[in-house]
C-alpha atoms as a PDB file:
ATOM      1  CA  MET A   1     130.625 115.943  92.219  1.00  0.00           C
ATOM      2  CA  LYS A   2     130.749 113.989  95.459  1.00  0.00           C
ATOM      3  CA  LYS A   3     128.761 110.741  95.509  1.00  0.00           C
ATOM      4  CA  TRP A   4     125.384 110.893  97.201  1.00  0.00           C
ATOM      5  CA  SER A   5     122.577 108.428  97.852  1.00  0.00           C
ATOM      6  CA  PHE A   6     118.880 107.965  98.365  1.00  0.00           C
ATOM      7  CA  VAL A   7     116.732 105.031  99.465  1.00  0.00           C
ATOM      8  CA  GLN A   8     113.507 103.613  98.061  1.00  0.00           C
ATOM      9  CA  CYS A   9     111.041 101.537 100.046  1.00  0.00           C
ATOM     10  CA  SER A  10     107.498 100.648  99.088  1.00  0.00           C
ATOM     11  CA  ASP A  11     104.149  99.286 100.229  1.00  0.00           C
ATOM     12  CA  LEU A  12     104.479  99.850 103.971  1.00  0.00           C
ATOM     13  CA  HIS A  13     100.795  99.068 104.629  1.00  0.00           C
ATOM     14  CA  LEU A  14     101.040 100.606 108.076  1.00  0.00           C
ATOM     15  CA  GLY A  15      97.838 100.021 110.007  1.00  0.00           C
ATOM     16  CA  ASN A  16      95.800  97.606 112.038  1.00  0.00           C
ATOM     17  CA  ASN A  17      94.227  95.535 109.279  1.00  0.00           C
ATOM     18  CA  PRO A  18      94.483  91.783 109.891  1.00  0.00           C
ATOM     19  CA  ASP A  19      97.335  89.966 108.202  1.00  0.00           C
ATOM     20  CA  GLY A  20      96.586  88.752 104.691  1.00  0.00           C
ATOM     21  CA  VAL A  21      98.220  86.649 102.015  1.00  0.00           C
ATOM     22  CA  TRP A  22      99.413  87.924  98.652  1.00  0.00           C
ATOM     23  CA  ASN A  23     102.341  85.955  97.239  1.00  0.00           C
ATOM     24  CA  ASN A  24     103.558  85.554 100.814  1.00  0.00           C
ATOM     25  CA  ARG A  25     102.086  86.464 104.205  1.00  0.00           C
ATOM     26  CA  VAL A  26     101.396  90.213 104.467  1.00  0.00           C
ATOM     27  CA  LEU A  27     102.356  91.234 108.005  1.00  0.00           C
ATOM     28  CA  THR A  28     100.199  94.330 108.521  1.00  0.00           C
ATOM     29  CA  SER A  29      99.708  93.478 112.205  1.00  0.00           C
ATOM     30  CA  ILE A  30     103.430  94.124 112.837  1.00  0.00           C
ATOM     31  CA  SER A  31     104.010  96.642 110.050  1.00  0.00           C
ATOM     32  CA  PHE A  32     104.928  99.367 112.564  1.00  0.00           C
ATOM     33  CA  ASP A  33     107.569  97.104 114.133  1.00  0.00           C
ATOM     34  CA  ILE A  34     108.973  96.378 110.667  1.00  0.00           C
ATOM     35  CA  PHE A  35     109.059 100.074 109.765  1.00  0.00           C
ATOM     36  CA  GLN A  36     110.758 100.980 113.038  1.00  0.00           C
ATOM     37  CA  CYS A  37     113.440  98.398 112.215  1.00  0.00           C
ATOM     38  CA  PHE A  38     113.809  99.931 108.747  1.00  0.00           C
ATOM     39  CA  ILE A  39     114.218 103.407 110.279  1.00  0.00           C
ATOM     40  CA  LYS A  40     116.933 102.119 112.628  1.00  0.00           C
ATOM     41  CA  ASP A  41     118.739 100.355 109.780  1.00  0.00           C
ATOM     42  CA  VAL A  42     118.515 103.082 107.153  1.00  0.00           C
ATOM     43  CA  VAL A  43     120.140 105.743 109.333  1.00  0.00           C
ATOM     44  CA  SER A  44     123.477 103.935 109.018  1.00  0.00           C
ATOM     45  CA  TYR A  45     123.418 104.498 105.238  1.00  0.00           C
ATOM     46  CA  SER A  46     123.034 108.295 105.653  1.00  0.00           C
ATOM     47  CA  PRO A  47     120.840 108.792 102.557  1.00  0.00           C
ATOM     48  CA  ASP A  48     120.018 112.309 101.404  1.00  0.00           C
ATOM     49  CA  PHE A  49     116.339 111.317 101.432  1.00  0.00           C
ATOM     50  CA  ILE A  50     113.911 108.389 101.257  1.00  0.00           C
ATOM     51  CA  ILE A  51     111.290 107.808  98.546  1.00  0.00           C
ATOM     52  CA  VAL A  52     108.238 105.763  99.527  1.00  0.00           C
ATOM     53  CA  THR A  53     106.511 104.531  96.370  1.00  0.00           C
ATOM     54  CA  GLY A  54     102.998 104.210  97.724  1.00  0.00           C
ATOM     55  CA  ASP A  55     100.624 102.206  99.902  1.00  0.00           C
ATOM     56  CA  ILE A  56     101.713 103.985 103.056  1.00  0.00           C
ATOM     57  CA  CYS A  57      98.624 103.163 105.085  1.00  0.00           C
ATOM     58  CA  SER A  58      96.275 100.202 105.031  1.00  0.00           C
ATOM     59  CA  CYS A  59      93.606 101.349 107.458  1.00  0.00           C
ATOM     60  CA  ASP A  60      90.536 103.606 107.600  1.00  0.00           C
ATOM     61  CA  ASP A  61      91.258 104.642 111.210  1.00  0.00           C
ATOM     62  CA  ASP A  62      92.292 108.320 111.519  1.00  0.00           C
ATOM     63  CA  MET A  63      94.217 107.561 114.714  1.00  0.00           C
ATOM     64  CA  VAL A  64      96.485 105.230 112.756  1.00  0.00           C
ATOM     65  CA  SER A  65      97.400 108.084 110.398  1.00  0.00           C
ATOM     66  CA  GLU A  66      98.314 110.245 113.372  1.00  0.00           C
ATOM     67  CA  LYS A  67     100.532 107.436 114.671  1.00  0.00           C
ATOM     68  CA  ILE A  68     102.200 107.160 111.245  1.00  0.00           C
ATOM     69  CA  LYS A  69     102.722 110.936 111.240  1.00  0.00           C
ATOM     70  CA  ASP A  70     104.520 110.700 114.596  1.00  0.00           C
ATOM     71  CA  VAL A  71     106.753 107.896 113.278  1.00  0.00           C
ATOM     72  CA  PHE A  72     107.585 109.893 110.130  1.00  0.00           C
ATOM     73  CA  ASN A  73     108.391 112.962 112.227  1.00  0.00           C
ATOM     74  CA  SER A  74     110.813 110.927 114.324  1.00  0.00           C
ATOM     75  CA  LEU A  75     112.850 110.175 111.204  1.00  0.00           C
ATOM     76  CA  LYS A  76     115.498 112.858 110.697  1.00  0.00           C
ATOM     77  CA  ILE A  77     115.842 112.081 106.996  1.00  0.00           C
ATOM     78  CA  PRO A  78     113.648 113.871 104.403  1.00  0.00           C
ATOM     79  CA  LEU A  79     110.791 111.769 103.033  1.00  0.00           C
ATOM     80  CA  TYR A  80     109.196 112.042  99.598  1.00  0.00           C
ATOM     81  CA  LEU A  81     105.920 110.149  99.509  1.00  0.00           C
ATOM     82  CA  LEU A  82     103.746 108.747  96.746  1.00  0.00           C
ATOM     83  CA  GLY A  83     100.147 107.613  97.002  1.00  0.00           C
ATOM     84  CA  GLY A  84      99.314 104.001  96.125  1.00  0.00           C
ATOM     85  CA  ASN A  85      95.983 102.330  95.436  1.00  0.00           C
ATOM     86  CA  HIS A  86      95.335 101.870  99.169  1.00  0.00           C
ATOM     87  CA  ASP A  87      96.131 105.544  99.856  1.00  0.00           C
ATOM     88  CA  LEU A  88      93.822 106.668  97.035  1.00  0.00           C
ATOM     89  CA  SER A  89      90.931 104.288  97.679  1.00  0.00           C
ATOM     90  CA  THR A  90      88.424 106.847  99.073  1.00  0.00           C
ATOM     91  CA  HIS A  91      88.155 110.637  99.284  1.00  0.00           C
ATOM     92  CA  GLN A  92      88.381 110.452 103.083  1.00  0.00           C
ATOM     93  CA  ILE A  93      91.628 108.443 103.057  1.00  0.00           C
ATOM     94  CA  ARG A  94      93.098 110.509 100.202  1.00  0.00           C
ATOM     95  CA  GLU A  95      92.532 113.861 101.905  1.00  0.00           C
ATOM     96  CA  ARG A  96      93.516 112.536 105.330  1.00  0.00           C
ATOM     97  CA  GLU A  97      96.907 111.406 104.054  1.00  0.00           C
ATOM     98  CA  LEU A  98      97.590 114.663 102.230  1.00  0.00           C
ATOM     99  CA  LYS A  99      96.885 116.495 105.493  1.00  0.00           C
ATOM    100  CA  CYS A 100      98.690 114.131 107.881  1.00  0.00           C
ATOM    101  CA  PHE A 101     101.776 113.579 105.745  1.00  0.00           C
ATOM    102  CA  SER A 102     102.010 117.089 104.314  1.00  0.00           C
ATOM    103  CA  THR A 103     105.791 117.298 104.781  1.00  0.00           C
ATOM    104  CA  GLY A 104     106.135 114.298 102.465  1.00  0.00           C
ATOM    105  CA  PHE A 105     104.080 116.021  99.744  1.00  0.00           C
ATOM    106  CA  PRO A 106     105.961 119.320  99.196  1.00  0.00           C
ATOM    107  CA  ASP A 107     103.310 120.917  96.985  1.00  0.00           C
ATOM    108  CA  GLY A 108     100.345 119.588  98.962  1.00  0.00           C
ATOM    109  CA  LYS A 109      99.574 117.235  96.062  1.00  0.00           C
ATOM    110  CA  PHE A 110     100.272 113.615  95.207  1.00  0.00           C
ATOM    111  CA  THR A 111     101.937 114.763  91.961  1.00  0.00           C
ATOM    112  CA  TYR A 112     105.022 116.968  92.295  1.00  0.00           C
ATOM    113  CA  ALA A 113     108.649 117.260  91.196  1.00  0.00           C
ATOM    114  CA  PHE A 114     112.004 118.262  92.647  1.00  0.00           C
ATOM    115  CA  THR A 115     115.633 118.449  91.595  1.00  0.00           C
ATOM    116  CA  HIS A 116     118.403 117.009  93.749  1.00  0.00           C
ATOM    117  CA  LYS A 117     121.958 117.597  92.535  1.00  0.00           C
ATOM    118  CA  ASN A 118     122.232 115.877  89.126  1.00  0.00           C
ATOM    119  CA  LEU A 119     118.790 114.196  88.970  1.00  0.00           C
ATOM    120  CA  ARG A 120     115.230 115.405  88.371  1.00  0.00           C
ATOM    121  CA  PHE A 121     112.527 113.505  90.294  1.00  0.00           C
ATOM    122  CA  CYS A 122     108.886 113.283  89.180  1.00  0.00           C
ATOM    123  CA  MET A 123     106.361 111.808  91.620  1.00  0.00           C
ATOM    124  CA  ILE A 124     103.103 110.982  89.831  1.00  0.00           C
ATOM    125  CA  GLU A 125      99.676 110.018  91.145  1.00  0.00           C
ATOM    126  CA  VAL A 126      97.777 107.243  89.387  1.00  0.00           C
ATOM    127  CA  SER A 127      94.023 107.362  88.784  1.00  0.00           C
ATOM    128  CA  TRP A 128      91.405 104.620  88.882  1.00  0.00           C
ATOM    129  CA  VAL A 129      89.480 103.298  85.896  1.00  0.00           C
ATOM    130  CA  TRP A 130      85.922 102.495  86.968  1.00  0.00           C
ATOM    131  CA  ARG A 131      83.758  99.699  85.580  1.00  0.00           C
ATOM    132  CA  ASP A 132      82.143 102.168  83.145  1.00  0.00           C
ATOM    133  CA  SER A 133      85.667 103.131  81.887  1.00  0.00           C
ATOM    134  CA  THR A 134      85.538 106.634  83.378  1.00  0.00           C
ATOM    135  CA  ILE A 135      88.639 107.886  85.224  1.00  0.00           C
ATOM    136  CA  HIS A 136      88.551 109.013  88.862  1.00  0.00           C
ATOM    137  CA  ALA A 137      90.913 109.934  91.703  1.00  0.00           C
ATOM    138  CA  ILE A 138      89.467 107.169  93.912  1.00  0.00           C
ATOM    139  CA  ARG A 139      88.286 103.604  93.391  1.00  0.00           C
ATOM    140  CA  ASP A 140      84.878 102.528  92.111  1.00  0.00           C
ATOM    141  CA  PRO A 141      82.685 101.975  95.211  1.00  0.00           C
ATOM    142  CA  ASP A 142      81.759  98.567  93.755  1.00  0.00           C
ATOM    143  CA  HIS A 143      85.389  97.455  93.914  1.00  0.00           C
ATOM    144  CA  ASN A 144      86.998  96.035  97.023  1.00  0.00           C
ATOM    145  CA  VAL A 145      90.740  96.395  97.630  1.00  0.00           C
ATOM    146  CA  ASN A 146      92.452  93.879  99.857  1.00  0.00           C
ATOM    147  CA  MET A 147      95.506  91.639  99.975  1.00  0.00           C
ATOM    148  CA  LYS A 148      93.720  88.300  99.946  1.00  0.00           C
ATOM    149  CA  GLU A 149      92.725  87.975  96.313  1.00  0.00           C
ATOM    150  CA  SER A 150      93.807  88.874  92.797  1.00  0.00           C
ATOM    151  CA  HIS A 151      93.405  92.459  91.564  1.00  0.00           C
ATOM    152  CA  THR A 152      91.613  91.140  88.463  1.00  0.00           C
ATOM    153  CA  GLY A 153      89.206  93.822  87.261  1.00  0.00           C
ATOM    154  CA  LEU A 154      91.021  96.690  88.998  1.00  0.00           C
ATOM    155  CA  ARG A 155      92.674  99.132  86.596  1.00  0.00           C
ATOM    156  CA  TRP A 156      94.871 102.197  87.009  1.00  0.00           C
ATOM    157  CA  VAL A 157      95.913 104.863  84.540  1.00  0.00           C
ATOM    158  CA  LEU A 158      97.775 108.150  84.269  1.00  0.00           C
ATOM    159  CA  SER A 159      95.091 110.735  83.587  1.00  0.00           C
ATOM    160  CA  LYS A 160      95.385 113.137  80.639  1.00  0.00           C
ATOM    161  CA  GLU A 161      96.213 115.883  83.142  1.00  0.00           C
ATOM    162  CA  HIS A 162      99.105 113.914  84.614  1.00  0.00           C
ATOM    163  CA  LEU A 163     100.359 112.807  81.201  1.00  0.00           C
ATOM    164  CA  LEU A 164     100.521 116.459  80.153  1.00  0.00           C
ATOM    165  CA  TRP A 165     102.273 117.327  83.414  1.00  0.00           C
ATOM    166  CA  LEU A 166     104.893 114.626  82.775  1.00  0.00           C
ATOM    167  CA  GLU A 167     105.346 115.714  79.151  1.00  0.00           C
ATOM    168  CA  ASN A 168     106.033 119.281  80.291  1.00  0.00           C
ATOM    169  CA  GLU A 169     108.488 118.078  82.932  1.00  0.00           C
ATOM    170  CA  LEU A 170     110.421 116.100  80.349  1.00  0.00           C
ATOM    171  CA  LYS A 171     110.534 119.045  77.942  1.00  0.00           C
ATOM    172  CA  GLU A 172     111.665 121.520  80.588  1.00  0.00           C
ATOM    173  CA  HIS A 173     114.402 119.253  81.975  1.00  0.00           C
ATOM    174  CA  GLN A 174     115.949 117.701  78.868  1.00  0.00           C
ATOM    175  CA  ASN A 175     119.454 117.957  80.313  1.00  0.00           C
ATOM    176  CA  TYR A 176     118.593 115.894  83.392  1.00  0.00           C
ATOM    177  CA  PRO A 177     118.318 112.148  83.839  1.00  0.00           C
ATOM    178  CA  ILE A 178     114.747 111.678  85.094  1.00  0.00           C
ATOM    179  CA  VAL A 179     113.595 109.508  87.979  1.00  0.00           C
ATOM    180  CA  VAL A 180     109.844 108.894  87.672  1.00  0.00           C
ATOM    181  CA  SER A 181     108.037 107.367  90.649  1.00  0.00           C
ATOM    182  CA  ILE A 182     104.679 105.720  89.882  1.00  0.00           C
ATOM    183  CA  HIS A 183     103.135 103.245  92.298  1.00  0.00           C
ATOM    184  CA  THR A 184     101.833 100.971  89.531  1.00  0.00           C
ATOM    185  CA  PRO A 185     104.546  99.592  87.188  1.00  0.00           C
ATOM    186  CA  LEU A 186     104.788 100.193  83.454  1.00  0.00           C
ATOM    187  CA  PHE A 187     106.286  96.786  82.630  1.00  0.00           C
ATOM    188  CA  PRO A 188     104.683  93.482  83.707  1.00  0.00           C
ATOM    189  CA  ILE A 189     106.347  90.808  85.832  1.00  0.00           C
ATOM    190  CA  PRO A 190     109.092  89.070  83.808  1.00  0.00           C
ATOM    191  CA  ASN A 191     108.645  85.358  83.209  1.00  0.00           C
ATOM    192  CA  ARG A 192     111.763  84.612  85.262  1.00  0.00           C
ATOM    193  CA  ILE A 193     109.958  85.824  88.410  1.00  0.00           C
ATOM    194  CA  MET A 194     106.642  84.042  87.781  1.00  0.00           C
ATOM    195  CA  PHE A 195     105.718  80.838  89.609  1.00  0.00           C
ATOM    196  CA  GLU A 196     102.638  78.660  89.915  1.00  0.00           C
ATOM    197  CA  GLY A 197      99.861  80.598  91.650  1.00  0.00           C
ATOM    198  CA  CYS A 198     101.715  83.925  91.409  1.00  0.00           C
ATOM    199  CA  LEU A 199      99.386  86.897  91.944  1.00  0.00           C
ATOM    200  CA  ASP A 200      99.819  89.882  89.641  1.00  0.00           C
ATOM    201  CA  GLY A 201      98.788  93.386  90.744  1.00  0.00           C
ATOM    202  CA  GLY A 202      98.636  94.659  87.154  1.00  0.00           C
ATOM    203  CA  VAL A 203     100.393  97.446  85.231  1.00  0.00           C
ATOM    204  CA  LEU A 204      99.121 100.865  84.142  1.00  0.00           C
ATOM    205  CA  VAL A 205      96.448 100.608  81.454  1.00  0.00           C
ATOM    206  CA  ASN A 206      98.147 103.321  79.393  1.00  0.00           C
ATOM    207  CA  ALA A 207     101.713 102.222  80.117  1.00  0.00           C
ATOM    208  CA  LYS A 208     102.592 102.371  76.389  1.00  0.00           C
ATOM    209  CA  GLU A 209     101.570 106.019  76.250  1.00  0.00           C
ATOM    210  CA  VAL A 210     103.734 106.837  79.270  1.00  0.00           C
ATOM    211  CA  LEU A 211     106.662 104.903  77.820  1.00  0.00           C
ATOM    212  CA  GLU A 212     106.475 106.785  74.520  1.00  0.00           C
ATOM    213  CA  LEU A 213     107.005 110.027  76.442  1.00  0.00           C
ATOM    214  CA  LEU A 214     109.987 108.543  78.280  1.00  0.00           C
ATOM    215  CA  TYR A 215     111.531 107.013  75.136  1.00  0.00           C
ATOM    216  CA  ASN A 216     111.644 110.483  73.578  1.00  0.00           C
ATOM    217  CA  HIS A 217     113.594 111.968  76.495  1.00  0.00           C
ATOM    218  CA  PRO A 218     117.261 112.490  75.526  1.00  0.00           C
ATOM    219  CA  GLN A 219     118.541 111.263  78.908  1.00  0.00           C
ATOM    220  CA  ILE A 220     118.116 108.039  80.872  1.00  0.00           C
ATOM    221  CA  CYS A 221     114.709 107.585  82.523  1.00  0.00           C
ATOM    222  CA  ILE A 222     114.504 105.516  85.717  1.00  0.00           C
ATOM    223  CA  VAL A 223     111.037 104.393  86.804  1.00  0.00           C
ATOM    224  CA  LEU A 224     110.569 103.491  90.469  1.00  0.00           C
ATOM    225  CA  SER A 225     107.450 101.523  91.355  1.00  0.00           C
ATOM    226  CA  GLY A 226     105.991  99.174  93.956  1.00  0.00           C
ATOM    227  CA  HIS A 227     102.527  97.590  94.014  1.00  0.00           C
ATOM    228  CA  MET A 228     103.635  94.093  92.924  1.00  0.00           C
ATOM    229  CA  HIS A 229     105.225  93.182  96.283  1.00  0.00           C
ATOM    230  CA  MET A 230     108.281  91.764  94.497  1.00  0.00           C
ATOM    231  CA  ASN A 231     111.666  92.832  93.133  1.00  0.00           C
ATOM    232  CA  TYR A 232     112.215  92.999  89.394  1.00  0.00           C
ATOM    233  CA  THR A 233     113.980  95.200  86.885  1.00  0.00           C
ATOM    234  CA  VAL A 234     113.208  95.775  83.197  1.00  0.00           C
ATOM    235  CA  ARG A 235     115.432  97.679  80.744  1.00  0.00           C
ATOM    236  CA  GLU A 236     114.078  98.884  77.409  1.00  0.00           C
ATOM    237  CA  GLN A 237     115.640 101.619  75.260  1.00  0.00           C
ATOM    238  CA  ASN A 238     116.522 104.481  77.649  1.00  0.00           C
ATOM    239  CA  VAL A 239     114.103 103.312  80.366  1.00  0.00           C
ATOM    240  CA  VAL A 240     115.025 101.275  83.434  1.00  0.00           C
ATOM    241  CA  GLN A 241     112.030 100.215  85.548  1.00  0.00           C
ATOM    242  CA  ILE A 242     112.861  99.194  89.118  1.00  0.00           C
ATOM    243  CA  THR A 243     109.983  97.553  90.954  1.00  0.00           C
ATOM    244  CA  THR A 244     110.627  97.095  94.674  1.00  0.00           C
ATOM    245  CA  SER A 245     109.078  94.583  97.077  1.00  0.00           C
ATOM    246  CA  ALA A 246     106.774  95.500  99.961  1.00  0.00           C
ATOM    247  CA  LEU A 247     108.190  96.361 103.358  1.00  0.00           C
ATOM    248  CA  CYS A 248     105.520  94.190 104.977  1.00  0.00           C
ATOM    249  CA  GLU A 249     105.878  91.034 102.872  1.00  0.00           C
ATOM    250  CA  TYR A 250     108.744  88.681 102.038  1.00  0.00           C
ATOM    251  CA  PRO A 251     111.496  89.457 101.186  1.00  0.00           C
ATOM    252  CA  ILE A 252     110.914  92.700 103.202  1.00  0.00           C
ATOM    253  CA  GLU A 253     113.664  94.711 101.520  1.00  0.00           C
ATOM    254  CA  PHE A 254     114.547  98.211 100.348  1.00  0.00           C
ATOM    255  CA  ARG A 255     116.816  99.713  97.694  1.00  0.00           C
ATOM    256  CA  ARG A 256     119.800 102.016  98.048  1.00  0.00           C
ATOM    257  CA  PHE A 257     120.869 104.205  95.107  1.00  0.00           C
ATOM    258  CA  ILE A 258     124.428 105.571  95.132  1.00  0.00           C
ATOM    259  CA  VAL A 259     124.606 108.407  92.597  1.00  0.00           C
ATOM    260  CA  ASP A 260     127.821 109.500  90.895  1.00  0.00           C
ATOM    261  CA  GLU A 261     128.412 111.814  87.931  1.00  0.00           C
ATOM    262  CA  ASP A 262     128.065 109.082  85.326  1.00  0.00           C
ATOM    263  CA  LYS A 263     126.379 106.141  87.031  1.00  0.00           C
ATOM    264  CA  ILE A 264     123.970 104.959  89.693  1.00  0.00           C
ATOM    265  CA  GLU A 265     124.729 101.843  91.725  1.00  0.00           C
ATOM    266  CA  VAL A 266     121.578 100.051  92.897  1.00  0.00           C
ATOM    267  CA  CYS A 267     121.768  97.639  95.842  1.00  0.00           C
ATOM    268  CA  THR A 268     118.971  95.722  97.574  1.00  0.00           C
ATOM    269  CA  PHE A 269     119.036  95.169 101.338  1.00  0.00           C
ATOM    270  CA  GLY A 270     117.029  93.216 103.889  1.00  0.00           C
ATOM    271  CA  LEU A 271     116.443  94.318 107.468  1.00  0.00           C
ATOM    272  CA  SER A 272     118.726  93.624 110.409  1.00  0.00           C
ATOM    273  CA  ASN A 273     115.951  91.506 111.946  1.00  0.00           C
ATOM    274  CA  PRO A 274     115.571  88.523 109.563  1.00  0.00           C
ATOM    275  CA  SER A 275     112.662  87.075 111.541  1.00  0.00           C
ATOM    276  CA  PHE A 276     110.208  89.397 109.753  1.00  0.00           C
ATOM    277  CA  ALA A 277     111.041  87.873 106.364  1.00  0.00           C
ATOM    278  CA  GLN A 278     110.997  84.373 107.867  1.00  0.00           C
ATOM    279  CA  GLN A 279     107.498  84.938 109.283  1.00  0.00           C
ATOM    280  CA  SER A 280     106.241  86.168 105.928  1.00  0.00           C
ATOM    281  CA  LEU A 281     107.760  83.565 103.603  1.00  0.00           C
ATOM    282  CA  ILE A 282     105.559  80.858 102.134  1.00  0.00           C
ATOM    283  CA  PRO A 283     108.049  78.152 101.064  1.00  0.00           C
ATOM    284  CA  GLY A 284     108.136  77.836  97.282  1.00  0.00           C
ATOM    285  CA  ASN A 285     107.420  81.536  96.691  1.00  0.00           C
ATOM    286  CA  GLU A 286     111.007  82.773  97.063  1.00  0.00           C
ATOM    287  CA  LYS A 287     111.170  84.038  93.463  1.00  0.00           C
ATOM    288  CA  VAL A 288     109.649  87.352  94.541  1.00  0.00           C
ATOM    289  CA  ARG A 289     113.169  88.289  95.739  1.00  0.00           C
ATOM    290  CA  GLY A 290     114.193  88.565  92.114  1.00  0.00           C
ATOM    291  CA  PHE A 291     117.489  87.443  90.637  1.00  0.00           C
ATOM    292  CA  LEU A 292     120.881  89.172  90.621  1.00  0.00           C
ATOM    293  CA  GLU A 293     119.884  91.309  87.624  1.00  0.00           C
ATOM    294  CA  ASP A 294     116.834  92.478  89.618  1.00  0.00           C
ATOM    295  CA  ARG A 295     118.670  93.224  92.850  1.00  0.00           C
ATOM    296  CA  ASP A 296     122.159  94.690  92.376  1.00  0.00           C
ATOM    297  CA  PHE A 297     123.240  96.486  89.205  1.00  0.00           C
ATOM    298  CA  VAL A 298     124.605  99.707  87.702  1.00  0.00           C
ATOM    299  CA  ILE A 299     122.788 102.279  85.556  1.00  0.00           C
ATOM    300  CA  LYS A 300     124.866 104.538  83.313  1.00  0.00           C
ATOM    301  CA  ILE A 301     123.687 108.150  83.284  1.00  0.00           C
END
């Protein structure tokens, strides 16, 4: 089999919301400029497709979604999209994105699967846990979602429906290495990445339940996530979780996956315009880049 590749980016936060601060400055006011730079850069890598692991839009304005749609359509590389907590915050935003970005959701749903050459890809929507512990597709109206404060009190989960869907996928594709994309990570931030004042977006409430399904799969399971706005990698049993930083916040990077018959090489790249990362960086918070083991490595398949 000839080598092939795909790219992951995450947390674009395209829209006209004012800039905020998470662990570094969140540059939503120039997020379109950053994404245009990414599009220009990524073409040179000739990936088979791009996976966006959530938080595509950060705005309630329908005109912004139409602008994003035009930008996506200008990209001549297939896109596979995933909804994040910002994309799934209200029914209006949720349905608007499914409609506007329909080519990025092949089945017209946030949860879908596809096979590409020697890998099976599962894209899974997360659900919200409300204050009363009930599970919903959108956030509790009493909860605010922004990038200026901790996500303490906000909780996400894979619903029973989506757990069953994943279980069936794993059973039906036992001969394939599985790449599972979930916006919210399964493993928390490793201590090596933590620093004083570090904000933590939180992991899935039922991460252990999801992991038990993956541990029982006879092949390697790669989990792609975003949400944390930082790069880190966790390996446990047959699971490799790869959490990728936001494309609107330092270090403003993306991942390239080069797939061979027996291995996947993972490399992390910044943009050709380094001024975006420089504008975002708050000195002292550089750890969000991750270390070598979080950035460039090989996965045996």
